[in-house]
Amino acid sequence: MYRIFSATVIALGIAAAASAQDSTTQSKTKVSADSDARTITLTGCLERGPGSLFTLRGSGAVASDDVTTKSKTKTEVDRDETRTKSRTDIEHGDHPETTGLAATYQLTPQQGVDLAAHVGRRVQIIAVALKPGKNDADVKIKDQTKIEREGAPDAEQKSETKRTISRRDGVTAVSVKPIGGACAH
């Protein structure tokens, strides 16, 4: 009985050590809209709106034809501590337009974008808005993620989504990222 118990404890210790590993995750998302729309990078506090809408109370926006986000997260696991460092860079396409005015945006999430999980928090949202006088626009979203793990095989995933945004969709959120704590009301 003692040998079975000892073997079980050793096996669990090996499994725990194997799962506690350093990793680096790099992701890149590019959102491109055709000439009938603009991509908008928004930051602010997310609130629940009426129906399926959400409200973002922000401090400005940057609009361009396309936007690319590049994120890198490094996790170091020691016996008694886990440290995580993250960095995200945003590149806007040609001729970005910046507004410094505080604004409120009503957003509709694209299918697969969970805005509800971020209500009451400061977030950065990439959205698509139609230009005046246009009824719809085509949008392409390319995602690429690579995970490098110490002592385990690397993983890579790529996806491409094409979607038509219509006037009735309003400003459509295609990506959300938390950037701070709870919002002060």
N, C-alpha and C. Protein backbone atom coordinates (compact mmCIF):
# COMPACT_ATOMS: atom_id res chain seq x y z
N MET A 1 0.82 -1.19 0.00
CA MET A 1 0.00 0.00 0.00
C MET A 1 0.87 1.25 0.00
N TYR A 2 1.93 1.25 0.84
CA TYR A 2 2.83 2.40 0.91
C TYR A 2 3.47 2.67 -0.44
N ARG A 3 3.88 1.62 -1.18
CA ARG A 3 4.52 1.79 -2.49
C ARG A 3 3.55 2.37 -3.51
N ILE A 4 2.29 1.95 -3.47
CA ILE A 4 1.29 2.50 -4.39
C ILE A 4 1.10 3.98 -4.11
N PHE A 5 1.00 4.35 -2.82
CA PHE A 5 0.81 5.75 -2.44
C PHE A 5 2.03 6.57 -2.88
N SER A 6 3.24 6.08 -2.64
CA SER A 6 4.47 6.79 -3.03
C SER A 6 4.53 6.97 -4.54
N ALA A 7 4.19 5.95 -5.30
CA ALA A 7 4.21 6.03 -6.76
C ALA A 7 3.20 7.05 -7.25
N THR A 8 2.04 7.12 -6.60
CA THR A 8 1.01 8.09 -6.98
C THR A 8 1.50 9.51 -6.71
N VAL A 9 2.10 9.76 -5.56
CA VAL A 9 2.62 11.08 -5.21
C VAL A 9 3.71 11.50 -6.21
N ILE A 10 4.60 10.59 -6.55
CA ILE A 10 5.67 10.90 -7.51
C ILE A 10 5.07 11.21 -8.88
N ALA A 11 4.09 10.42 -9.32
CA ALA A 11 3.46 10.66 -10.62
C ALA A 11 2.77 12.01 -10.65
N LEU A 12 2.06 12.36 -9.57
CA LEU A 12 1.41 13.67 -9.51
C LEU A 12 2.43 14.80 -9.52
N GLY A 13 3.55 14.62 -8.83
CA GLY A 13 4.61 15.63 -8.83
C GLY A 13 5.20 15.84 -10.20
N ILE A 14 5.41 14.76 -10.94
CA ILE A 14 5.93 14.86 -12.31
C ILE A 14 4.92 15.55 -13.21
N ALA A 15 3.64 15.21 -13.07
CA ALA A 15 2.59 15.84 -13.89
C ALA A 15 2.51 17.33 -13.60
N ALA A 16 2.60 17.72 -12.32
CA ALA A 16 2.54 19.14 -11.96
C ALA A 16 3.74 19.88 -12.52
N ALA A 17 4.92 19.27 -12.44
CA ALA A 17 6.12 19.92 -12.97
C ALA A 17 6.04 20.06 -14.48
N ALA A 18 5.45 19.06 -15.14
CA ALA A 18 5.34 19.13 -16.60
C ALA A 18 4.35 20.21 -17.03
N SER A 19 3.27 20.43 -16.24
CA SER A 19 2.30 21.44 -16.63
C SER A 19 2.77 22.84 -16.27
N ALA A 20 3.68 22.98 -15.33
CA ALA A 20 4.20 24.28 -14.92
C ALA A 20 5.40 24.60 -15.79
N GLN A 21 5.15 25.27 -16.91
CA GLN A 21 6.22 25.55 -17.85
C GLN A 21 6.14 26.99 -18.34
N ASP A 22 7.28 27.52 -18.74
CA ASP A 22 7.33 28.85 -19.31
C ASP A 22 6.71 28.81 -20.70
N SER A 23 6.07 29.91 -21.09
CA SER A 23 5.49 29.97 -22.43
C SER A 23 5.49 31.41 -22.93
N THR A 24 5.48 31.53 -24.25
CA THR A 24 5.35 32.82 -24.91
C THR A 24 4.26 32.70 -25.96
N THR A 25 3.29 33.60 -25.90
CA THR A 25 2.20 33.61 -26.87
C THR A 25 2.30 34.90 -27.67
N GLN A 26 2.36 34.77 -28.98
CA GLN A 26 2.39 35.92 -29.87
C GLN A 26 1.15 35.85 -30.76
N SER A 27 0.42 36.97 -30.84
CA SER A 27 -0.75 36.99 -31.71
C SER A 27 -0.75 38.26 -32.54
N LYS A 28 -1.32 38.13 -33.72
CA LYS A 28 -1.42 39.26 -34.65
C LYS A 28 -2.82 39.22 -35.25
N THR A 29 -3.50 40.35 -35.19
CA THR A 29 -4.83 40.48 -35.78
C THR A 29 -4.83 41.67 -36.71
N LYS A 30 -5.27 41.44 -37.95
CA LYS A 30 -5.37 42.53 -38.92
C LYS A 30 -6.83 42.63 -39.35
N VAL A 31 -7.38 43.83 -39.20
CA VAL A 31 -8.76 44.11 -39.60
C VAL A 31 -8.69 45.09 -40.77
N SER A 32 -9.25 44.67 -41.92
CA SER A 32 -9.26 45.52 -43.12
C SER A 32 -10.69 45.69 -43.59
N ALA A 33 -11.03 46.91 -43.93
CA ALA A 33 -12.37 47.20 -44.46
C ALA A 33 -12.23 47.72 -45.88
N ASP A 34 -13.25 47.46 -46.71
CA ASP A 34 -13.19 48.00 -48.07
C ASP A 34 -13.41 49.51 -48.03
N SER A 35 -13.48 50.13 -49.17
CA SER A 35 -13.53 51.60 -49.23
C SER A 35 -14.82 52.20 -48.68
N ASP A 36 -15.80 51.36 -48.32
CA ASP A 36 -17.08 51.86 -47.79
C ASP A 36 -17.09 51.99 -46.27
N ALA A 37 -15.99 51.59 -45.61
CA ALA A 37 -15.97 51.61 -44.14
C ALA A 37 -14.60 52.03 -43.62
N ARG A 38 -14.55 52.28 -42.33
CA ARG A 38 -13.29 52.61 -41.63
C ARG A 38 -13.19 51.70 -40.41
N THR A 39 -11.96 51.34 -40.07
CA THR A 39 -11.74 50.65 -38.80
C THR A 39 -11.47 51.72 -37.75
N ILE A 40 -11.94 51.47 -36.55
CA ILE A 40 -11.82 52.45 -35.47
C ILE A 40 -11.23 51.73 -34.26
N THR A 41 -10.21 52.32 -33.65
CA THR A 41 -9.67 51.81 -32.40
C THR A 41 -10.18 52.73 -31.30
N LEU A 42 -10.94 52.15 -30.36
CA LEU A 42 -11.59 52.90 -29.29
C LEU A 42 -11.08 52.44 -27.93
N THR A 43 -10.97 53.36 -27.00
CA THR A 43 -10.66 52.98 -25.62
C THR A 43 -11.66 53.66 -24.71
N GLY A 44 -12.03 52.98 -23.64
CA GLY A 44 -12.96 53.57 -22.70
C GLY A 44 -13.58 52.54 -21.80
N CYS A 45 -14.67 52.94 -21.14
CA CYS A 45 -15.39 52.07 -20.20
C CYS A 45 -16.61 51.48 -20.89
N LEU A 46 -16.73 50.16 -20.81
CA LEU A 46 -17.81 49.45 -21.49
C LEU A 46 -19.01 49.29 -20.56
N GLU A 47 -20.19 49.62 -21.09
CA GLU A 47 -21.43 49.49 -20.33
C GLU A 47 -22.44 48.70 -21.16
N ARG A 48 -23.38 48.08 -20.47
CA ARG A 48 -24.45 47.35 -21.15
C ARG A 48 -25.44 48.38 -21.67
N GLY A 49 -25.86 48.22 -22.91
CA GLY A 49 -26.85 49.11 -23.50
C GLY A 49 -28.17 48.40 -23.66
N PRO A 50 -29.10 49.01 -24.37
CA PRO A 50 -30.40 48.37 -24.58
C PRO A 50 -30.28 47.19 -25.56
N GLY A 51 -31.03 46.12 -25.30
CA GLY A 51 -31.04 44.96 -26.19
C GLY A 51 -29.66 44.33 -26.31
N SER A 52 -29.20 44.15 -27.54
CA SER A 52 -27.88 43.54 -27.77
C SER A 52 -26.78 44.58 -27.95
N LEU A 53 -27.09 45.86 -27.67
CA LEU A 53 -26.11 46.93 -27.82
C LEU A 53 -25.28 47.11 -26.55
N PHE A 54 -24.09 47.66 -26.75
CA PHE A 54 -23.22 48.04 -25.65
C PHE A 54 -22.82 49.49 -25.86
N THR A 55 -22.48 50.18 -24.79
CA THR A 55 -22.07 51.57 -24.86
C THR A 55 -20.63 51.66 -24.38
N LEU A 56 -19.80 52.37 -25.14
CA LEU A 56 -18.42 52.61 -24.74
C LEU A 56 -18.27 54.10 -24.52
N ARG A 57 -17.96 54.46 -23.29
CA ARG A 57 -17.69 55.86 -22.96
C ARG A 57 -16.18 56.00 -23.00
N GLY A 58 -15.71 56.77 -23.97
CA GLY A 58 -14.27 56.78 -24.21
C GLY A 58 -13.65 58.15 -24.19
N SER A 59 -12.38 58.17 -24.51
CA SER A 59 -11.62 59.41 -24.52
C SER A 59 -11.01 59.66 -25.88
N GLY A 60 -11.62 59.12 -26.90
CA GLY A 60 -11.11 59.37 -28.23
C GLY A 60 -11.07 58.13 -29.07
N ALA A 61 -10.69 58.32 -30.32
CA ALA A 61 -10.67 57.21 -31.27
C ALA A 61 -9.64 57.50 -32.36
N VAL A 62 -9.18 56.43 -32.98
CA VAL A 62 -8.31 56.54 -34.16
C VAL A 62 -8.98 55.73 -35.26
N ALA A 63 -9.23 56.37 -36.41
CA ALA A 63 -9.87 55.69 -37.53
C ALA A 63 -8.89 55.60 -38.70
N SER A 64 -8.94 54.47 -39.40
CA SER A 64 -8.09 54.27 -40.58
C SER A 64 -8.72 53.19 -41.44
N ASP A 65 -8.11 52.93 -42.62
CA ASP A 65 -8.64 51.89 -43.50
C ASP A 65 -8.43 50.50 -42.93
N ASP A 66 -7.34 50.30 -42.21
CA ASP A 66 -7.08 49.02 -41.57
C ASP A 66 -6.28 49.23 -40.31
N VAL A 67 -6.30 48.23 -39.46
CA VAL A 67 -5.55 48.27 -38.21
C VAL A 67 -4.99 46.88 -37.93
N THR A 68 -3.77 46.86 -37.41
CA THR A 68 -3.12 45.60 -37.04
C THR A 68 -2.69 45.69 -35.59
N THR A 69 -3.07 44.69 -34.80
CA THR A 69 -2.59 44.62 -33.43
C THR A 69 -1.62 43.45 -33.31
N LYS A 70 -0.54 43.67 -32.60
CA LYS A 70 0.45 42.63 -32.33
C LYS A 70 0.62 42.54 -30.83
N SER A 71 0.37 41.36 -30.28
CA SER A 71 0.47 41.15 -28.84
C SER A 71 1.47 40.05 -28.53
N LYS A 72 2.15 40.22 -27.41
CA LYS A 72 3.10 39.20 -26.94
C LYS A 72 2.92 39.07 -25.44
N THR A 73 2.71 37.85 -24.98
CA THR A 73 2.56 37.56 -23.57
C THR A 73 3.57 36.49 -23.19
N LYS A 74 4.39 36.79 -22.20
CA LYS A 74 5.40 35.84 -21.73
C LYS A 74 5.05 35.46 -20.30
N THR A 75 4.95 34.15 -20.06
CA THR A 75 4.63 33.64 -18.74
C THR A 75 5.81 32.81 -18.25
N GLU A 76 6.32 33.17 -17.06
CA GLU A 76 7.41 32.43 -16.43
C GLU A 76 6.86 31.77 -15.17
N VAL A 77 7.03 30.47 -15.09
CA VAL A 77 6.50 29.71 -13.96
C VAL A 77 7.67 29.18 -13.14
N ASP A 78 7.69 29.56 -11.86
CA ASP A 78 8.65 29.02 -10.90
C ASP A 78 7.88 28.16 -9.91
N ARG A 79 8.59 27.57 -8.98
CA ARG A 79 7.93 26.70 -8.00
C ARG A 79 6.82 27.41 -7.23
N ASP A 80 7.06 28.64 -6.80
CA ASP A 80 6.10 29.33 -5.95
C ASP A 80 5.54 30.62 -6.54
N GLU A 81 5.84 30.89 -7.82
CA GLU A 81 5.41 32.16 -8.40
C GLU A 81 5.24 32.04 -9.92
N THR A 82 4.25 32.73 -10.44
CA THR A 82 4.04 32.84 -11.88
C THR A 82 4.05 34.32 -12.23
N ARG A 83 4.89 34.70 -13.19
CA ARG A 83 4.99 36.09 -13.63
C ARG A 83 4.55 36.16 -15.10
N THR A 84 3.73 37.16 -15.40
CA THR A 84 3.26 37.35 -16.77
C THR A 84 3.55 38.78 -17.20
N LYS A 85 4.11 38.92 -18.39
CA LYS A 85 4.36 40.24 -18.99
C LYS A 85 3.63 40.26 -20.32
N SER A 86 2.91 41.35 -20.59
CA SER A 86 2.18 41.50 -21.84
C SER A 86 2.46 42.84 -22.48
N ARG A 87 2.42 42.84 -23.79
CA ARG A 87 2.61 44.07 -24.55
C ARG A 87 1.78 43.97 -25.82
N THR A 88 1.10 45.05 -26.18
CA THR A 88 0.33 45.11 -27.41
C THR A 88 0.69 46.38 -28.16
N ASP A 89 1.00 46.24 -29.42
CA ASP A 89 1.28 47.38 -30.29
C ASP A 89 0.18 47.45 -31.34
N ILE A 90 -0.18 48.68 -31.71
CA ILE A 90 -1.23 48.88 -32.71
C ILE A 90 -0.64 49.68 -33.86
N GLU A 91 -0.85 49.19 -35.07
CA GLU A 91 -0.42 49.90 -36.27
C GLU A 91 -1.65 50.25 -37.09
N HIS A 92 -1.81 51.53 -37.40
CA HIS A 92 -2.93 51.98 -38.22
C HIS A 92 -2.48 52.13 -39.67
N GLY A 93 -3.42 51.92 -40.58
CA GLY A 93 -3.12 52.03 -42.01
C GLY A 93 -2.81 53.46 -42.40
N ASP A 94 -2.82 53.71 -43.69
CA ASP A 94 -2.51 55.04 -44.22
C ASP A 94 -3.49 56.09 -43.73
N HIS A 95 -3.01 57.26 -43.46
CA HIS A 95 -3.80 58.45 -43.12
C HIS A 95 -4.76 58.25 -41.96
N PRO A 96 -4.26 57.84 -40.78
CA PRO A 96 -5.16 57.68 -39.64
C PRO A 96 -5.69 59.04 -39.18
N GLU A 97 -6.92 59.06 -38.73
CA GLU A 97 -7.56 60.26 -38.21
C GLU A 97 -7.75 60.07 -36.71
N THR A 98 -7.31 61.05 -35.93
CA THR A 98 -7.39 60.94 -34.47
C THR A 98 -8.33 62.00 -33.94
N THR A 99 -9.15 61.60 -32.98
CA THR A 99 -9.99 62.56 -32.29
C THR A 99 -9.66 62.49 -30.81
N GLY A 100 -9.48 63.63 -30.17
CA GLY A 100 -9.18 63.67 -28.75
C GLY A 100 -10.40 63.99 -27.92
N LEU A 101 -11.55 64.11 -28.57
CA LEU A 101 -12.77 64.47 -27.86
C LEU A 101 -13.34 63.27 -27.12
N ALA A 102 -13.83 63.50 -25.92
CA ALA A 102 -14.53 62.44 -25.20
C ALA A 102 -15.80 62.13 -25.97
N ALA A 103 -16.06 60.86 -26.18
CA ALA A 103 -17.21 60.47 -26.98
C ALA A 103 -17.85 59.22 -26.41
N THR A 104 -19.09 58.97 -26.82
CA THR A 104 -19.81 57.76 -26.45
C THR A 104 -20.18 57.04 -27.74
N TYR A 105 -19.92 55.74 -27.77
CA TYR A 105 -20.21 54.93 -28.95
C TYR A 105 -21.17 53.81 -28.58
N GLN A 106 -22.16 53.58 -29.43
CA GLN A 106 -23.03 52.41 -29.28
C GLN A 106 -22.49 51.35 -30.20
N LEU A 107 -22.26 50.15 -29.65
CA LEU A 107 -21.60 49.08 -30.38
C LEU A 107 -22.46 47.84 -30.44
N THR A 108 -22.37 47.15 -31.57
CA THR A 108 -22.94 45.82 -31.74
C THR A 108 -21.77 44.86 -31.85
N PRO A 109 -21.71 43.80 -31.04
CA PRO A 109 -20.59 42.87 -31.16
C PRO A 109 -20.75 41.96 -32.37
N GLN A 110 -19.65 41.72 -33.06
CA GLN A 110 -19.64 40.73 -34.14
C GLN A 110 -19.82 39.36 -33.50
N GLN A 111 -20.37 38.44 -34.23
CA GLN A 111 -20.52 37.08 -33.71
C GLN A 111 -19.16 36.56 -33.24
N GLY A 112 -19.13 36.02 -32.02
CA GLY A 112 -17.89 35.49 -31.46
C GLY A 112 -17.14 36.49 -30.59
N VAL A 113 -17.56 37.76 -30.55
CA VAL A 113 -16.91 38.78 -29.72
C VAL A 113 -17.75 38.95 -28.46
N ASP A 114 -17.19 38.61 -27.30
CA ASP A 114 -17.91 38.63 -26.03
C ASP A 114 -17.68 39.94 -25.29
N LEU A 115 -18.52 40.93 -25.58
CA LEU A 115 -18.41 42.21 -24.88
C LEU A 115 -18.97 42.12 -23.46
N ALA A 116 -19.95 41.25 -23.24
CA ALA A 116 -20.60 41.15 -21.93
C ALA A 116 -19.60 40.82 -20.83
N ALA A 117 -18.58 40.06 -21.13
CA ALA A 117 -17.57 39.67 -20.13
C ALA A 117 -16.73 40.85 -19.66
N HIS A 118 -16.79 41.98 -20.38
CA HIS A 118 -15.94 43.13 -20.07
C HIS A 118 -16.73 44.34 -19.57
N VAL A 119 -18.03 44.19 -19.34
CA VAL A 119 -18.86 45.31 -18.88
C VAL A 119 -18.33 45.81 -17.54
N GLY A 120 -18.23 47.13 -17.41
CA GLY A 120 -17.75 47.76 -16.18
C GLY A 120 -16.24 47.88 -16.11
N ARG A 121 -15.53 47.55 -17.19
CA ARG A 121 -14.07 47.57 -17.23
C ARG A 121 -13.58 48.52 -18.32
N ARG A 122 -12.32 48.95 -18.22
CA ARG A 122 -11.68 49.74 -19.28
C ARG A 122 -11.19 48.76 -20.33
N VAL A 123 -11.52 49.04 -21.60
CA VAL A 123 -11.19 48.15 -22.70
C VAL A 123 -10.69 48.93 -23.91
N GLN A 124 -10.07 48.19 -24.80
CA GLN A 124 -9.71 48.71 -26.12
C GLN A 124 -10.50 47.87 -27.12
N ILE A 125 -11.22 48.54 -27.99
CA ILE A 125 -12.08 47.84 -28.95
C ILE A 125 -11.68 48.26 -30.36
N ILE A 126 -11.59 47.28 -31.24
CA ILE A 126 -11.45 47.57 -32.67
C ILE A 126 -12.82 47.34 -33.26
N ALA A 127 -13.32 48.36 -33.95
CA ALA A 127 -14.67 48.30 -34.51
C ALA A 127 -14.63 48.75 -35.97
N VAL A 128 -15.72 48.50 -36.66
CA VAL A 128 -15.86 48.90 -38.06
C VAL A 128 -17.11 49.76 -38.16
N ALA A 129 -16.98 50.90 -38.84
CA ALA A 129 -18.11 51.81 -39.05
C ALA A 129 -18.20 52.15 -40.53
N LEU A 130 -19.42 52.19 -41.04
CA LEU A 130 -19.63 52.54 -42.44
C LEU A 130 -19.45 54.04 -42.65
N LYS A 131 -18.96 54.40 -43.81
CA LYS A 131 -18.85 55.80 -44.16
C LYS A 131 -20.23 56.33 -44.49
N PRO A 132 -20.45 57.65 -44.33
CA PRO A 132 -21.77 58.22 -44.63
C PRO A 132 -22.22 57.89 -46.05
N GLY A 133 -23.52 57.56 -46.18
CA GLY A 133 -24.10 57.30 -47.49
C GLY A 133 -23.89 55.88 -47.99
N LYS A 134 -23.21 55.04 -47.24
CA LYS A 134 -22.96 53.65 -47.66
C LYS A 134 -23.93 52.72 -46.93
N ASN A 135 -24.34 51.66 -47.61
CA ASN A 135 -25.29 50.72 -47.02
C ASN A 135 -24.64 49.47 -46.44
N ASP A 136 -23.50 49.05 -46.99
CA ASP A 136 -22.79 47.91 -46.44
C ASP A 136 -21.32 47.96 -46.85
N ALA A 137 -20.53 47.15 -46.18
CA ALA A 137 -19.09 47.10 -46.47
C ALA A 137 -18.58 45.69 -46.17
N ASP A 138 -17.53 45.31 -46.86
CA ASP A 138 -16.89 44.03 -46.63
C ASP A 138 -15.69 44.22 -45.73
N VAL A 139 -15.57 43.34 -44.74
CA VAL A 139 -14.50 43.41 -43.76
C VAL A 139 -13.79 42.06 -43.73
N LYS A 140 -12.45 42.11 -43.61
CA LYS A 140 -11.66 40.89 -43.50
C LYS A 140 -10.85 40.96 -42.20
N ILE A 141 -10.92 39.87 -41.43
CA ILE A 141 -10.19 39.78 -40.16
C ILE A 141 -9.26 38.57 -40.24
N LYS A 142 -7.96 38.83 -40.13
CA LYS A 142 -6.97 37.75 -40.14
C LYS A 142 -6.36 37.64 -38.75
N ASP A 143 -6.41 36.44 -38.18
CA ASP A 143 -5.82 36.17 -36.87
C ASP A 143 -4.72 35.13 -37.02
N GLN A 144 -3.63 35.35 -36.30
CA GLN A 144 -2.53 34.39 -36.28
C GLN A 144 -2.00 34.36 -34.85
N THR A 145 -1.93 33.15 -34.27
CA THR A 145 -1.43 32.99 -32.91
C THR A 145 -0.39 31.88 -32.89
N LYS A 146 0.71 32.14 -32.19
CA LYS A 146 1.77 31.15 -32.04
C LYS A 146 2.09 31.04 -30.56
N ILE A 147 2.13 29.80 -30.05
CA ILE A 147 2.45 29.55 -28.65
C ILE A 147 3.72 28.71 -28.60
N GLU A 148 4.73 29.24 -27.94
CA GLU A 148 5.99 28.53 -27.74
C GLU A 148 6.04 28.11 -26.28
N ARG A 149 6.18 26.80 -26.02
CA ARG A 149 6.21 26.28 -24.66
C ARG A 149 7.54 25.58 -24.42
N GLU A 150 8.10 25.86 -23.26
CA GLU A 150 9.34 25.21 -22.87
C GLU A 150 9.05 23.74 -22.56
N GLY A 151 9.76 22.86 -23.22
CA GLY A 151 9.61 21.44 -22.96
C GLY A 151 8.37 20.81 -23.57
N ALA A 152 7.73 21.48 -24.51
CA ALA A 152 6.54 20.95 -25.16
C ALA A 152 6.50 21.47 -26.59
N PRO A 153 5.76 20.81 -27.46
CA PRO A 153 5.68 21.28 -28.85
C PRO A 153 5.02 22.66 -28.95
N ASP A 154 5.49 23.43 -29.92
CA ASP A 154 4.88 24.73 -30.19
C ASP A 154 3.53 24.50 -30.89
N ALA A 155 2.68 25.51 -30.83
CA ALA A 155 1.38 25.44 -31.50
C ALA A 155 1.17 26.71 -32.29
N GLU A 156 0.53 26.60 -33.43
CA GLU A 156 0.24 27.76 -34.26
C GLU A 156 -1.16 27.62 -34.83
N GLN A 157 -1.89 28.74 -34.86
CA GLN A 157 -3.25 28.73 -35.37
C GLN A 157 -3.46 29.97 -36.22
N LYS A 158 -4.08 29.79 -37.38
CA LYS A 158 -4.39 30.91 -38.27
C LYS A 158 -5.87 30.82 -38.65
N SER A 159 -6.49 31.99 -38.79
CA SER A 159 -7.87 32.02 -39.26
C SER A 159 -8.09 33.30 -40.06
N GLU A 160 -9.06 33.24 -40.94
CA GLU A 160 -9.45 34.41 -41.72
C GLU A 160 -10.97 34.43 -41.79
N THR A 161 -11.53 35.57 -41.44
CA THR A 161 -12.98 35.73 -41.44
C THR A 161 -13.33 36.87 -42.37
N LYS A 162 -14.34 36.65 -43.21
CA LYS A 162 -14.86 37.72 -44.06
C LYS A 162 -16.31 37.93 -43.66
N ARG A 163 -16.69 39.20 -43.58
CA ARG A 163 -18.04 39.52 -43.14
C ARG A 163 -18.51 40.79 -43.84
N THR A 164 -19.80 40.85 -44.11
CA THR A 164 -20.40 42.06 -44.64
C THR A 164 -21.10 42.77 -43.48
N ILE A 165 -20.72 44.02 -43.27
CA ILE A 165 -21.32 44.85 -42.23
C ILE A 165 -22.38 45.71 -42.91
N SER A 166 -23.58 45.70 -42.37
CA SER A 166 -24.64 46.50 -42.98
C SER A 166 -24.92 47.73 -42.12
N ARG A 167 -25.63 48.68 -42.68
CA ARG A 167 -25.98 49.93 -41.99
C ARG A 167 -26.72 49.61 -40.69
N ARG A 168 -27.59 48.59 -40.70
CA ARG A 168 -28.37 48.26 -39.50
C ARG A 168 -27.49 47.73 -38.35
N ASP A 169 -26.27 47.23 -38.67
CA ASP A 169 -25.36 46.74 -37.63
C ASP A 169 -24.76 47.89 -36.82
N GLY A 170 -24.76 49.09 -37.38
CA GLY A 170 -24.15 50.23 -36.70
C GLY A 170 -22.65 50.05 -36.59
N VAL A 171 -22.06 50.55 -35.53
CA VAL A 171 -20.63 50.39 -35.29
C VAL A 171 -20.45 48.98 -34.71
N THR A 172 -19.70 48.13 -35.42
CA THR A 172 -19.57 46.73 -35.06
C THR A 172 -18.22 46.44 -34.42
N ALA A 173 -18.23 45.92 -33.20
CA ALA A 173 -17.01 45.55 -32.49
C ALA A 173 -16.51 44.22 -33.03
N VAL A 174 -15.27 44.19 -33.51
CA VAL A 174 -14.69 42.95 -34.04
C VAL A 174 -13.60 42.39 -33.14
N SER A 175 -13.18 43.16 -32.13
CA SER A 175 -12.13 42.71 -31.21
C SER A 175 -12.24 43.52 -29.92
N VAL A 176 -12.00 42.86 -28.78
CA VAL A 176 -12.01 43.55 -27.49
C VAL A 176 -10.84 43.04 -26.66
N LYS A 177 -10.20 43.98 -25.93
CA LYS A 177 -9.06 43.63 -25.09
C LYS A 177 -9.14 44.46 -23.81
N PRO A 178 -9.07 43.82 -22.63
CA PRO A 178 -9.06 44.59 -21.38
C PRO A 178 -7.76 45.37 -21.24
N ILE A 179 -7.85 46.62 -20.79
CA ILE A 179 -6.64 47.43 -20.64
C ILE A 179 -6.51 48.05 -19.26
N GLY A 180 -7.46 47.78 -18.39
CA GLY A 180 -7.38 48.36 -17.06
C GLY A 180 -8.41 47.76 -16.14
N GLY A 181 -8.49 48.31 -14.98
CA GLY A 181 -9.41 47.80 -13.98
C GLY A 181 -10.82 48.27 -14.19
N ALA A 182 -11.56 48.24 -13.11
CA ALA A 182 -12.96 48.66 -13.14
C ALA A 182 -13.07 50.15 -13.40
N CYS A 183 -14.16 50.54 -14.03
CA CYS A 183 -14.41 51.95 -14.33
C CYS A 183 -14.96 52.65 -13.10
N ALA A 184 -14.56 53.90 -12.93
CA ALA A 184 -15.09 54.72 -11.85
C ALA A 184 -16.36 55.38 -12.36
N HIS A 185 -17.40 55.34 -11.57
CA HIS A 185 -18.66 55.95 -12.00
C HIS A 185 -18.91 57.22 -11.27
